[in-house]
């Protein structure tokens, strides 16, 4: 029979640990980490609860799909409105350019009317001078005829 002999080379910590009571050597959870027993025990849901939860999830999925469809429709309308606004801006620019051209054309028409009026006035002066010259010639002829009579 073999006998157990104590090792004389043990550390003071080991000697202290061995000197304690046996129950003191068992680890006990600290009070900070204690959880209620309800958290450790989980109740398995019944088949009815699973079906109800599945139905609720289906409803939420359908609602989410409807919301997604609505968002897509809203996005398309918004995109169309943005294009329309862009076209309206282009139309406004074109209208402004057209109005500016119209003002320029009106000024040009007024200038041409003044030129035409000056041309007609000049022609009238030339015609008047020509008529005056003819009148003076005719007066001269009348005087000659009166003198001959």
N, C-alpha and C. Protein backbone atom coordinates (compact mmCIF):
# COMPACT_ATOMS: atom_id res chain seq x y z
N UNK A 1 0.84 -1.15 0.00
CA UNK A 1 0.00 0.00 0.00
C UNK A 1 0.89 1.23 0.00
N UNK A 2 0.47 2.19 -0.86
CA UNK A 2 1.27 3.40 -0.98
C UNK A 2 0.69 4.46 -0.08
N UNK A 3 1.55 5.20 0.47
CA UNK A 3 1.10 6.28 1.35
C UNK A 3 1.35 7.62 0.68
N UNK A 4 0.43 8.51 0.93
CA UNK A 4 0.56 9.86 0.38
C UNK A 4 1.41 10.67 1.34
N UNK A 5 2.45 11.28 0.81
CA UNK A 5 3.32 12.07 1.65
C UNK A 5 3.16 13.52 1.25
N UNK A 6 3.19 14.41 2.16
CA UNK A 6 3.04 15.84 1.91
C UNK A 6 4.32 16.38 1.32
N UNK A 7 4.12 17.22 0.39
CA UNK A 7 5.26 17.86 -0.26
C UNK A 7 5.68 19.04 0.57
N UNK A 8 6.92 19.06 0.93
CA UNK A 8 7.40 20.18 1.75
C UNK A 8 7.71 21.39 0.91
N UNK A 9 7.57 21.28 -0.36
CA UNK A 9 7.91 22.37 -1.28
C UNK A 9 6.65 23.13 -1.71
N UNK A 10 5.56 23.12 -0.99
CA UNK A 10 4.33 23.81 -1.40
C UNK A 10 4.43 25.30 -1.12
N UNK A 11 3.61 26.07 -1.82
CA UNK A 11 3.64 27.52 -1.67
C UNK A 11 2.73 27.94 -0.53
N UNK A 12 2.96 29.12 0.00
CA UNK A 12 2.10 29.59 1.11
C UNK A 12 0.65 29.74 0.68
N UNK A 13 0.38 30.12 -0.58
CA UNK A 13 -1.00 30.26 -1.04
C UNK A 13 -1.69 28.91 -1.05
N UNK A 14 -0.96 27.87 -1.45
CA UNK A 14 -1.54 26.54 -1.47
C UNK A 14 -1.82 26.06 -0.06
N UNK A 15 -0.93 26.32 0.82
CA UNK A 15 -1.13 25.93 2.21
C UNK A 15 -2.36 26.64 2.77
N UNK A 16 -2.52 27.90 2.46
CA UNK A 16 -3.68 28.66 2.95
C UNK A 16 -4.95 28.07 2.37
N UNK A 17 -4.96 27.77 1.06
CA UNK A 17 -6.14 27.23 0.40
C UNK A 17 -6.51 25.87 0.96
N UNK A 18 -5.55 25.06 1.19
CA UNK A 18 -5.83 23.74 1.74
C UNK A 18 -6.35 23.83 3.16
N UNK A 19 -5.94 24.86 3.89
CA UNK A 19 -6.36 25.00 5.27
C UNK A 19 -7.79 25.45 5.42
N UNK A 20 -8.41 25.92 4.36
CA UNK A 20 -9.80 26.38 4.44
C UNK A 20 -10.74 25.20 4.48
N UNK A 21 -11.98 25.43 4.87
CA UNK A 21 -12.97 24.35 4.87
C UNK A 21 -13.27 23.90 3.45
N UNK A 22 -13.71 22.73 3.26
CA UNK A 22 -13.96 22.16 1.93
C UNK A 22 -15.05 22.93 1.21
N UNK A 23 -16.15 23.33 1.88
CA UNK A 23 -17.24 24.07 1.22
C UNK A 23 -16.81 25.46 0.78
N UNK A 24 -15.82 25.98 1.42
CA UNK A 24 -15.35 27.31 1.01
C UNK A 24 -14.62 27.25 -0.33
N UNK A 25 -14.22 26.07 -0.73
CA UNK A 25 -13.49 25.93 -1.99
C UNK A 25 -14.42 25.86 -3.20
N UNK A 26 -15.71 25.73 -3.00
CA UNK A 26 -16.67 25.66 -4.10
C UNK A 26 -17.04 27.09 -4.50
N UNK A 27 -16.96 27.34 -5.79
CA UNK A 27 -17.29 28.69 -6.27
C UNK A 27 -18.78 28.93 -6.19
N UNK A 28 -19.16 30.08 -5.70
CA UNK A 28 -20.56 30.49 -5.58
C UNK A 28 -20.72 31.73 -6.48
N UNK A 29 -21.78 31.79 -7.29
CA UNK A 29 -21.95 32.99 -8.14
C UNK A 29 -22.12 34.24 -7.29
N UNK A 30 -21.56 35.30 -7.79
CA UNK A 30 -21.68 36.56 -7.04
C UNK A 30 -23.11 37.08 -7.15
N UNK A 31 -23.49 37.96 -6.24
CA UNK A 31 -24.85 38.50 -6.20
C UNK A 31 -25.12 39.41 -7.41
N UNK A 32 -24.09 39.94 -8.05
CA UNK A 32 -24.27 40.84 -9.18
C UNK A 32 -24.78 40.11 -10.41
N UNK A 33 -24.38 38.85 -10.59
CA UNK A 33 -24.71 38.10 -11.80
C UNK A 33 -25.95 37.23 -11.65
N UNK A 34 -26.65 37.34 -10.56
CA UNK A 34 -27.82 36.50 -10.34
C UNK A 34 -28.96 37.00 -11.22
N UNK A 35 -29.57 36.07 -11.98
CA UNK A 35 -30.71 36.39 -12.83
C UNK A 35 -31.91 35.65 -12.29
N UNK A 36 -33.07 36.23 -12.46
CA UNK A 36 -34.27 35.53 -11.98
C UNK A 36 -34.45 34.22 -12.75
N UNK A 37 -35.07 33.29 -12.11
CA UNK A 37 -35.28 31.97 -12.70
C UNK A 37 -36.13 32.06 -13.96
N UNK A 38 -37.03 33.08 -14.07
CA UNK A 38 -37.88 33.24 -15.24
C UNK A 38 -37.05 33.51 -16.49
N UNK A 39 -35.92 34.21 -16.31
CA UNK A 39 -35.09 34.48 -17.47
C UNK A 39 -34.38 33.24 -17.95
N UNK A 40 -34.12 32.31 -17.07
CA UNK A 40 -33.45 31.08 -17.45
C UNK A 40 -34.41 30.09 -18.09
N UNK A 41 -35.64 30.16 -17.69
CA UNK A 41 -36.63 29.24 -18.23
C UNK A 41 -37.39 29.93 -19.36
N UNK A 42 -37.45 29.31 -20.49
CA UNK A 42 -38.20 29.87 -21.60
C UNK A 42 -39.35 28.95 -21.91
N UNK A 43 -40.51 29.56 -22.08
CA UNK A 43 -41.70 28.79 -22.40
C UNK A 43 -41.76 28.62 -23.91
N UNK A 44 -41.92 27.44 -24.36
CA UNK A 44 -42.03 27.17 -25.79
C UNK A 44 -43.42 27.62 -26.23
N UNK A 45 -43.46 28.49 -27.29
CA UNK A 45 -44.77 29.00 -27.72
C UNK A 45 -45.61 27.87 -28.31
N UNK A 46 -46.90 28.02 -28.14
CA UNK A 46 -47.82 27.00 -28.66
C UNK A 46 -47.97 27.18 -30.16
N UNK A 47 -48.57 26.19 -30.79
CA UNK A 47 -48.77 26.23 -32.23
C UNK A 47 -49.68 27.38 -32.62
N UNK A 48 -50.68 27.69 -31.81
CA UNK A 48 -51.58 28.81 -32.07
C UNK A 48 -50.82 30.13 -32.02
N UNK A 49 -49.95 30.27 -31.00
CA UNK A 49 -49.18 31.50 -30.89
C UNK A 49 -48.26 31.67 -32.10
N UNK A 50 -47.69 30.57 -32.57
CA UNK A 50 -46.81 30.62 -33.74
C UNK A 50 -47.61 31.04 -34.97
N UNK A 51 -48.81 30.50 -35.13
CA UNK A 51 -49.64 30.87 -36.28
C UNK A 51 -50.05 32.32 -36.21
N UNK A 52 -50.40 32.78 -35.01
CA UNK A 52 -50.79 34.20 -34.86
C UNK A 52 -49.62 35.12 -35.18
N UNK A 53 -48.45 34.75 -34.70
CA UNK A 53 -47.27 35.57 -34.97
C UNK A 53 -46.94 35.56 -36.46
N UNK A 54 -47.09 34.40 -37.12
CA UNK A 54 -46.85 34.32 -38.56
C UNK A 54 -47.84 35.20 -39.32
N UNK A 55 -49.10 35.16 -38.90
CA UNK A 55 -50.13 35.99 -39.55
C UNK A 55 -49.81 37.47 -39.37
N UNK A 56 -49.38 37.84 -38.18
CA UNK A 56 -49.01 39.23 -37.90
C UNK A 56 -47.82 39.64 -38.78
N UNK A 57 -46.86 38.74 -38.93
CA UNK A 57 -45.70 39.03 -39.77
C UNK A 57 -46.11 39.17 -41.23
N UNK A 58 -47.05 38.35 -41.71
CA UNK A 58 -47.55 38.46 -43.07
C UNK A 58 -48.23 39.81 -43.28
N UNK A 59 -49.03 40.23 -42.29
CA UNK A 59 -49.71 41.53 -42.39
C UNK A 59 -48.69 42.66 -42.48
N UNK A 60 -47.66 42.60 -41.62
CA UNK A 60 -46.63 43.64 -41.64
C UNK A 60 -45.88 43.63 -42.97
N UNK A 61 -45.64 42.43 -43.51
CA UNK A 61 -44.95 42.32 -44.80
C UNK A 61 -45.80 42.95 -45.90
N UNK A 62 -47.10 42.64 -45.92
CA UNK A 62 -48.00 43.21 -46.92
C UNK A 62 -48.06 44.73 -46.80
N UNK A 63 -48.13 45.22 -45.57
CA UNK A 63 -48.16 46.66 -45.34
C UNK A 63 -46.86 47.30 -45.84
N UNK A 64 -45.74 46.64 -45.57
CA UNK A 64 -44.45 47.15 -46.02
C UNK A 64 -44.38 47.18 -47.54
N UNK A 65 -44.89 46.13 -48.19
CA UNK A 65 -44.90 46.09 -49.65
C UNK A 65 -45.80 47.19 -50.22
N UNK A 66 -46.94 47.42 -49.57
CA UNK A 66 -47.83 48.51 -50.02
C UNK A 66 -47.12 49.86 -49.86
N UNK A 67 -46.44 50.04 -48.74
CA UNK A 67 -45.70 51.29 -48.52
C UNK A 67 -44.61 51.46 -49.57
N UNK A 68 -43.92 50.38 -49.90
CA UNK A 68 -42.89 50.43 -50.92
C UNK A 68 -43.49 50.81 -52.27
N UNK A 69 -44.62 50.21 -52.60
CA UNK A 69 -45.30 50.54 -53.86
C UNK A 69 -45.70 52.02 -53.88
N UNK A 70 -46.23 52.50 -52.75
CA UNK A 70 -46.62 53.91 -52.66
C UNK A 70 -45.41 54.81 -52.84
N UNK A 71 -44.29 54.44 -52.22
CA UNK A 71 -43.08 55.24 -52.37
C UNK A 71 -42.59 55.25 -53.81
N UNK A 72 -42.67 54.10 -54.48
CA UNK A 72 -42.26 54.06 -55.88
C UNK A 72 -43.14 54.97 -56.73
N UNK A 73 -44.45 54.91 -56.49
CA UNK A 73 -45.39 55.76 -57.22
C UNK A 73 -45.10 57.24 -56.95
N UNK A 74 -44.87 57.56 -55.67
CA UNK A 74 -44.55 58.94 -55.29
C UNK A 74 -43.26 59.38 -55.98
N UNK A 75 -42.26 58.51 -56.03
CA UNK A 75 -40.99 58.84 -56.67
C UNK A 75 -41.20 59.13 -58.16
N UNK A 76 -42.01 58.28 -58.82
CA UNK A 76 -42.26 58.50 -60.24
C UNK A 76 -42.96 59.84 -60.48
N UNK A 77 -43.95 60.15 -59.62
CA UNK A 77 -44.66 61.44 -59.76
C UNK A 77 -43.71 62.60 -59.52
N UNK A 78 -42.87 62.46 -58.50
CA UNK A 78 -41.90 63.51 -58.18
C UNK A 78 -40.93 63.71 -59.33
N UNK A 79 -40.46 62.61 -59.90
CA UNK A 79 -39.54 62.70 -61.04
C UNK A 79 -40.21 63.39 -62.22
N UNK A 80 -41.48 63.04 -62.47
CA UNK A 80 -42.23 63.67 -63.56
C UNK A 80 -42.40 65.17 -63.29
N UNK A 81 -42.74 65.53 -62.05
CA UNK A 81 -42.89 66.95 -61.70
C UNK A 81 -41.57 67.70 -61.89
N UNK A 82 -40.47 67.05 -61.52
CA UNK A 82 -39.17 67.70 -61.70
C UNK A 82 -38.90 67.94 -63.19
N UNK A 83 -39.26 66.96 -64.03
CA UNK A 83 -39.09 67.16 -65.47
C UNK A 83 -39.98 68.28 -65.97
N UNK A 84 -41.23 68.34 -65.47
CA UNK A 84 -42.16 69.39 -65.88
C UNK A 84 -41.62 70.76 -65.45
N UNK A 85 -41.12 70.83 -64.22
CA UNK A 85 -40.56 72.09 -63.73
C UNK A 85 -39.38 72.49 -64.61
N UNK A 86 -38.56 71.51 -64.98
CA UNK A 86 -37.44 71.80 -65.88
C UNK A 86 -37.92 72.33 -67.21
N UNK A 87 -38.99 71.73 -67.73
CA UNK A 87 -39.56 72.21 -68.99
C UNK A 87 -40.16 73.60 -68.83
N UNK A 88 -40.81 73.84 -67.68
CA UNK A 88 -41.38 75.17 -67.43
C UNK A 88 -40.27 76.21 -67.39
N UNK A 89 -39.15 75.87 -66.75
CA UNK A 89 -38.02 76.80 -66.70
C UNK A 89 -37.50 77.08 -68.11
N UNK A 90 -37.40 76.03 -68.93
CA UNK A 90 -36.94 76.21 -70.31
C UNK A 90 -37.93 77.08 -71.08
N UNK A 91 -39.24 76.84 -70.87
CA UNK A 91 -40.25 77.66 -71.55
C UNK A 91 -40.17 79.12 -71.09
N UNK A 92 -39.95 79.32 -69.80
CA UNK A 92 -39.82 80.70 -69.30
C UNK A 92 -38.62 81.39 -69.93
N UNK A 93 -37.49 80.65 -70.04
CA UNK A 93 -36.30 81.24 -70.68
C UNK A 93 -36.60 81.57 -72.14
N UNK A 94 -37.26 80.64 -72.84
CA UNK A 94 -37.60 80.88 -74.25
C UNK A 94 -38.54 82.07 -74.38
N UNK A 95 -39.51 82.16 -73.50
CA UNK A 95 -40.45 83.28 -73.53
C UNK A 95 -39.72 84.60 -73.31
N UNK A 96 -38.81 84.62 -72.35
CA UNK A 96 -38.04 85.84 -72.07
C UNK A 96 -37.19 86.22 -73.29
N UNK A 97 -36.55 85.22 -73.91
CA UNK A 97 -35.76 85.50 -75.11
C UNK A 97 -36.65 86.04 -76.23
N UNK A 98 -37.82 85.45 -76.39
CA UNK A 98 -38.76 85.90 -77.42
C UNK A 98 -39.21 87.33 -77.16
N UNK A 99 -39.49 87.63 -75.90
CA UNK A 99 -39.91 88.99 -75.54
C UNK A 99 -38.78 89.98 -75.82
N UNK A 100 -37.55 89.58 -75.51
CA UNK A 100 -36.41 90.46 -75.78
C UNK A 100 -36.25 90.68 -77.29
N UNK A 101 -36.43 89.61 -78.08
CA UNK A 101 -36.36 89.74 -79.53
C UNK A 101 -37.47 90.65 -80.05
N UNK A 102 -38.66 90.50 -79.44
CA UNK A 102 -39.81 91.32 -79.84
C UNK A 102 -39.51 92.80 -79.60
N UNK A 103 -38.92 93.09 -78.43
CA UNK A 103 -38.57 94.48 -78.12
C UNK A 103 -37.56 94.99 -79.14
N UNK A 104 -36.56 94.14 -79.46
CA UNK A 104 -35.56 94.53 -80.45
C UNK A 104 -36.19 94.76 -81.81
N UNK A 105 -37.12 93.89 -82.20
CA UNK A 105 -37.79 94.04 -83.49
C UNK A 105 -38.65 95.29 -83.52
N UNK A 106 -39.32 95.59 -82.41
CA UNK A 106 -40.13 96.82 -82.36
C UNK A 106 -39.24 98.05 -82.54
N UNK A 107 -38.08 98.02 -81.90
CA UNK A 107 -37.15 99.14 -82.05
C UNK A 107 -36.69 99.26 -83.49
N UNK A 108 -36.41 98.12 -84.12
CA UNK A 108 -35.97 98.13 -85.53
C UNK A 108 -37.08 98.66 -86.44
N UNK A 109 -38.33 98.24 -86.19
CA UNK A 109 -39.47 98.72 -86.97
C UNK A 109 -39.61 100.23 -86.82
N UNK A 110 -39.47 100.71 -85.58
CA UNK A 110 -39.58 102.16 -85.35
C UNK A 110 -38.47 102.90 -86.11
N UNK A 111 -37.27 102.33 -86.10
CA UNK A 111 -36.15 102.95 -86.83
C UNK A 111 -36.43 102.96 -88.33
N UNK A 112 -36.94 101.86 -88.85
CA UNK A 112 -37.26 101.82 -90.29
C UNK A 112 -38.39 102.77 -90.65
N UNK A 113 -39.36 102.91 -89.76
CA UNK A 113 -40.45 103.87 -90.02
C UNK A 113 -39.90 105.30 -90.08
N UNK A 114 -38.97 105.61 -89.17
CA UNK A 114 -38.37 106.96 -89.20
C UNK A 114 -37.59 107.16 -90.51
N UNK A 115 -36.85 106.10 -90.92
CA UNK A 115 -36.08 106.21 -92.17
C UNK A 115 -37.02 106.42 -93.36
N UNK A 116 -38.12 105.65 -93.37
CA UNK A 116 -39.11 105.79 -94.44
C UNK A 116 -39.70 107.19 -94.46
N UNK A 117 -40.03 107.70 -93.28
CA UNK A 117 -40.59 109.05 -93.18
C UNK A 117 -39.59 110.08 -93.70
N UNK A 118 -38.30 109.92 -93.32
CA UNK A 118 -37.27 110.85 -93.81
C UNK A 118 -37.12 110.75 -95.33
N UNK A 119 -37.16 109.50 -95.82
CA UNK A 119 -37.04 109.30 -97.27
C UNK A 119 -38.21 109.96 -97.98
N UNK A 120 -39.41 109.74 -97.46
CA UNK A 120 -40.59 110.37 -98.09
C UNK A 120 -40.51 111.88 -98.00
N UNK A 121 -40.05 112.37 -96.86
CA UNK A 121 -39.92 113.82 -96.69
C UNK A 121 -38.91 114.36 -97.69
N UNK A 122 -37.79 113.67 -97.86
CA UNK A 122 -36.76 114.10 -98.81
C UNK A 122 -37.31 114.09 -100.23
N UNK A 123 -38.05 113.01 -100.54
CA UNK A 123 -38.67 112.94 -101.87
C UNK A 123 -39.69 114.06 -102.05
N UNK A 124 -40.42 114.34 -101.02
CA UNK A 124 -41.41 115.43 -101.10
C UNK A 124 -40.70 116.75 -101.34
N UNK A 125 -39.59 116.97 -100.68
CA UNK A 125 -38.85 118.22 -100.86
C UNK A 125 -38.35 118.30 -102.30
N UNK A 126 -37.82 117.17 -102.79
CA UNK A 126 -37.31 117.16 -104.17
C UNK A 126 -38.46 117.40 -105.14
N UNK A 127 -39.60 116.75 -104.90
CA UNK A 127 -40.76 116.93 -105.76
C UNK A 127 -41.26 118.37 -105.68
N UNK A 128 -41.25 118.93 -104.46
CA UNK A 128 -41.69 120.33 -104.31
C UNK A 128 -40.76 121.28 -105.07
N UNK A 129 -39.46 121.02 -104.97
CA UNK A 129 -38.50 121.88 -105.69
C UNK A 129 -38.70 121.75 -107.20
N UNK A 130 -38.94 120.48 -107.59
CA UNK A 130 -39.17 120.25 -109.02
C UNK A 130 -40.45 120.96 -109.45
N UNK A 131 -41.48 120.85 -108.64
CA UNK A 131 -42.76 121.51 -108.96
C UNK A 131 -42.58 123.03 -108.95
N UNK A 132 -41.80 123.51 -107.99
CA UNK A 132 -41.57 124.95 -107.91
C UNK A 132 -40.82 125.45 -109.16
N UNK A 133 -39.88 124.63 -109.56
CA UNK A 133 -39.13 125.00 -110.77
C UNK A 133 -40.07 125.02 -111.97
N UNK A 134 -40.94 124.05 -112.10
CA UNK A 134 -41.90 124.01 -113.20
C UNK A 134 -42.85 125.19 -113.13
N UNK A 135 -43.28 125.52 -111.91
CA UNK A 135 -44.19 126.65 -111.74
C UNK A 135 -43.50 127.93 -112.18
N UNK A 136 -42.22 128.07 -111.80
CA UNK A 136 -41.49 129.28 -112.19
C UNK A 136 -41.30 129.34 -113.71
N UNK A 137 -41.07 128.19 -114.32
CA UNK A 137 -40.94 128.14 -115.78
C UNK A 137 -42.25 128.55 -116.43
N UNK A 138 -43.35 128.00 -115.85
CA UNK A 138 -44.66 128.34 -116.41
C UNK A 138 -44.98 129.82 -116.21
N UNK A 139 -44.58 130.39 -115.09
CA UNK A 139 -44.80 131.83 -114.86
C UNK A 139 -44.01 132.63 -115.89
N UNK A 140 -42.80 132.14 -116.14
CA UNK A 140 -41.98 132.83 -117.14
C UNK A 140 -42.65 132.78 -118.51
N UNK A 141 -43.21 131.67 -118.91
CA UNK A 141 -43.86 131.52 -120.18
C UNK A 141 -45.13 132.40 -120.23
N UNK A 142 -45.86 132.43 -119.09
CA UNK A 142 -47.08 133.25 -119.03
C UNK A 142 -46.68 134.72 -119.21
N UNK A 143 -45.62 135.14 -118.58
CA UNK A 143 -45.19 136.54 -118.71
C UNK A 143 -44.79 136.84 -120.16
N UNK A 144 -44.15 135.89 -120.82
CA UNK A 144 -43.77 136.09 -122.21
C UNK A 144 -45.01 136.22 -123.09
N UNK A 145 -45.99 135.33 -122.78
CA UNK A 145 -47.22 135.39 -123.55
C UNK A 145 -47.98 136.68 -123.31
N UNK A 146 -47.97 137.15 -122.11
CA UNK A 146 -48.66 138.42 -121.80
C UNK A 146 -47.91 139.58 -122.47
N UNK A 147 -46.63 139.43 -122.49
CA UNK A 147 -45.85 140.50 -123.12
C UNK A 147 -46.08 140.49 -124.65
N UNK A 148 -46.24 139.38 -125.21
CA UNK A 148 -46.50 139.31 -126.63
C UNK A 148 -47.92 139.73 -126.96
N UNK A 149 -48.78 139.71 -126.09
CA UNK A 149 -50.16 140.11 -126.32
C UNK A 149 -50.21 141.58 -126.16
